[in-house]
Amino acid sequence: MEDLKVLVEQYKALGDENRLAIIQLLKQGEQCACVLLEQLDLSQSGLSYHMKKLVDAGIVDERPEGKWVYYRISNEGCKQFLSNFKTLTESVDLVNH
């Protein structure tokens, strides 16, 4: 199942405290890498590593502008994640658990 592979990659990308902190910052809207660096305890190479994981998983979109890159949460990636999770769990009776 191809969707399962995508879901696994998304879970891996979200399974890191730094990347969750990045997602929290991106909830406010598109952010420049320079702004993210100011708010996180990461080096530029560390931020690049984490952003690559999030972008490759489809959770975050990137937009280069000049020497900086701007990031935002991917609407399509979020929809896909929620849809895949729903498909994975749709037969579970959550009311009785």
C-alpha atoms as a PDB file:
ATOM      1  CA  MET A   1       0.000   0.000   0.000  1.00  0.00           C
ATOM      2  CA  GLU A   2       1.654   3.204  -1.211  1.00  0.00           C
ATOM      3  CA  ASP A   3      -0.302   5.424   1.204  1.00  0.00           C
ATOM      4  CA  LEU A   4       1.088   3.399   4.109  1.00  0.00           C
ATOM      5  CA  LYS A   5       4.661   4.200   3.020  1.00  0.00           C
ATOM      6  CA  VAL A   6       3.773   7.891   2.886  1.00  0.00           C
ATOM      7  CA  LEU A   7       2.163   7.716   6.332  1.00  0.00           C
ATOM      8  CA  VAL A   8       5.256   6.003   7.783  1.00  0.00           C
ATOM      9  CA  GLU A   9       7.496   8.752   6.396  1.00  0.00           C
ATOM     10  CA  GLN A  10       5.208  11.411   7.855  1.00  0.00           C
ATOM     11  CA  TYR A  11       5.217   9.731  11.271  1.00  0.00           C
ATOM     12  CA  LYS A  12       9.007   9.502  11.168  1.00  0.00           C
ATOM     13  CA  ALA A  13       9.217  13.187  10.296  1.00  0.00           C
ATOM     14  CA  LEU A  14       6.892  14.091  13.170  1.00  0.00           C
ATOM     15  CA  GLY A  15       8.666  11.798  15.626  1.00  0.00           C
ATOM     16  CA  ASP A  16      11.279  14.367  16.601  1.00  0.00           C
ATOM     17  CA  GLU A  17      11.012  17.110  19.222  1.00  0.00           C
ATOM     18  CA  ASN A  18      12.798  19.696  17.060  1.00  0.00           C
ATOM     19  CA  ARG A  19      10.513  19.055  14.109  1.00  0.00           C
ATOM     20  CA  LEU A  20       7.422  19.303  16.299  1.00  0.00           C
ATOM     21  CA  ALA A  21       8.741  22.643  17.581  1.00  0.00           C
ATOM     22  CA  ILE A  22       9.122  23.770  13.959  1.00  0.00           C
ATOM     23  CA  ILE A  23       5.529  22.749  13.216  1.00  0.00           C
ATOM     24  CA  GLN A  24       4.387  24.748  16.257  1.00  0.00           C
ATOM     25  CA  LEU A  25       6.143  27.834  14.865  1.00  0.00           C
ATOM     26  CA  LEU A  26       4.722  27.290  11.384  1.00  0.00           C
ATOM     27  CA  LYS A  27       1.177  27.227  12.782  1.00  0.00           C
ATOM     28  CA  GLN A  28       1.483  31.019  12.841  1.00  0.00           C
ATOM     29  CA  GLY A  29       1.985  31.048   9.066  1.00  0.00           C
ATOM     30  CA  GLU A  30       4.835  31.081   6.606  1.00  0.00           C
ATOM     31  CA  GLN A  31       8.224  31.671   8.229  1.00  0.00           C
ATOM     32  CA  CYS A  32      11.634  32.496   6.843  1.00  0.00           C
ATOM     33  CA  ALA A  33      14.429  30.100   7.796  1.00  0.00           C
ATOM     34  CA  CYS A  34      16.154  33.093   9.404  1.00  0.00           C
ATOM     35  CA  VAL A  35      13.184  33.587  11.761  1.00  0.00           C
ATOM     36  CA  LEU A  36      13.058  29.886  12.606  1.00  0.00           C
ATOM     37  CA  LEU A  37      16.778  29.952  13.415  1.00  0.00           C
ATOM     38  CA  GLU A  38      16.246  32.829  15.848  1.00  0.00           C
ATOM     39  CA  GLN A  39      13.524  30.924  17.702  1.00  0.00           C
ATOM     40  CA  LEU A  40      15.093  27.465  17.829  1.00  0.00           C
ATOM     41  CA  ASP A  41      18.231  26.133  19.462  1.00  0.00           C
ATOM     42  CA  LEU A  42      19.580  24.799  16.159  1.00  0.00           C
ATOM     43  CA  SER A  43      22.482  25.544  13.866  1.00  0.00           C
ATOM     44  CA  GLN A  44      21.761  26.435  10.252  1.00  0.00           C
ATOM     45  CA  SER A  45      22.797  22.927   9.159  1.00  0.00           C
ATOM     46  CA  GLY A  46      20.596  21.423  11.899  1.00  0.00           C
ATOM     47  CA  LEU A  47      17.598  23.439  10.736  1.00  0.00           C
ATOM     48  CA  SER A  48      18.280  22.446   7.117  1.00  0.00           C
ATOM     49  CA  TYR A  49      18.362  18.768   8.111  1.00  0.00           C
ATOM     50  CA  HIS A  50      15.045  18.958   9.952  1.00  0.00           C
ATOM     51  CA  MET A  51      13.380  21.009   7.226  1.00  0.00           C
ATOM     52  CA  LYS A  52      14.466  18.490   4.587  1.00  0.00           C
ATOM     53  CA  LYS A  53      12.798  15.697   6.587  1.00  0.00           C
ATOM     54  CA  LEU A  54       9.562  17.704   6.874  1.00  0.00           C
ATOM     55  CA  VAL A  55       9.585  18.766   3.214  1.00  0.00           C
ATOM     56  CA  ASP A  56      10.410  15.257   1.947  1.00  0.00           C
ATOM     57  CA  ALA A  57       7.520  13.875   4.030  1.00  0.00           C
ATOM     58  CA  GLY A  58       5.182  16.409   2.403  1.00  0.00           C
ATOM     59  CA  ILE A  59       4.285  18.044   5.716  1.00  0.00           C
ATOM     60  CA  VAL A  60       5.969  21.364   4.933  1.00  0.00           C
ATOM     61  CA  ASP A  61       6.222  23.333   1.685  1.00  0.00           C
ATOM     62  CA  GLU A  62       9.261  25.464   0.895  1.00  0.00           C
ATOM     63  CA  ARG A  63       9.586  28.594  -1.196  1.00  0.00           C
ATOM     64  CA  PRO A  64      13.040  29.985  -2.005  1.00  0.00           C
ATOM     65  CA  GLU A  65      13.350  33.755  -2.205  1.00  0.00           C
ATOM     66  CA  GLY A  66      16.752  35.297  -2.677  1.00  0.00           C
ATOM     67  CA  LYS A  67      19.223  33.777  -0.242  1.00  0.00           C
ATOM     68  CA  TRP A  68      16.492  32.584   2.140  1.00  0.00           C
ATOM     69  CA  VAL A  69      13.904  29.850   2.083  1.00  0.00           C
ATOM     70  CA  TYR A  70      10.390  30.332   3.428  1.00  0.00           C
ATOM     71  CA  TYR A  71       8.451  27.436   4.925  1.00  0.00           C
ATOM     72  CA  ARG A  72       4.798  26.782   5.620  1.00  0.00           C
ATOM     73  CA  ILE A  73       2.684  23.812   6.642  1.00  0.00           C
ATOM     74  CA  SER A  74       1.474  21.976   3.554  1.00  0.00           C
ATOM     75  CA  ASN A  75      -2.314  21.967   3.317  1.00  0.00           C
ATOM     76  CA  GLU A  76      -2.182  19.064   0.874  1.00  0.00           C
ATOM     77  CA  GLY A  77       0.258  17.138   3.066  1.00  0.00           C
ATOM     78  CA  CYS A  78      -1.967  17.601   6.122  1.00  0.00           C
ATOM     79  CA  LYS A  79      -5.037  16.466   4.201  1.00  0.00           C
ATOM     80  CA  GLN A  80      -3.171  13.398   2.968  1.00  0.00           C
ATOM     81  CA  PHE A  81      -1.892  12.586   6.476  1.00  0.00           C
ATOM     82  CA  LEU A  82      -5.372  12.849   8.008  1.00  0.00           C
ATOM     83  CA  SER A  83      -6.954  10.865   5.194  1.00  0.00           C
ATOM     84  CA  ASN A  84      -4.362   8.094   5.472  1.00  0.00           C
ATOM     85  CA  PHE A  85      -4.735   7.978   9.254  1.00  0.00           C
ATOM     86  CA  LYS A  86      -8.517   7.821   8.930  1.00  0.00           C
ATOM     87  CA  THR A  87      -8.249   4.971   6.428  1.00  0.00           C
ATOM     88  CA  LEU A  88      -5.850   3.162   8.750  1.00  0.00           C
ATOM     89  CA  THR A  89      -8.161   3.464  11.758  1.00  0.00           C
ATOM     90  CA  GLU A  90     -11.657   3.671  10.273  1.00  0.00           C
ATOM     91  CA  SER A  91     -12.780   0.229  11.454  1.00  0.00           C
ATOM     92  CA  VAL A  92     -11.744   0.924  15.060  1.00  0.00           C
ATOM     93  CA  ASP A  93     -14.640   1.469  17.449  1.00  0.00           C
ATOM     94  CA  LEU A  94     -13.296   4.532  19.280  1.00  0.00           C
ATOM     95  CA  VAL A  95     -16.538   5.176  21.166  1.00  0.00           C
ATOM     96  CA  ASN A  96     -16.235   2.036  23.293  1.00  0.00           C
ATOM     97  CA  HIS A  97     -12.524   2.421  24.091  1.00  0.00           C
END
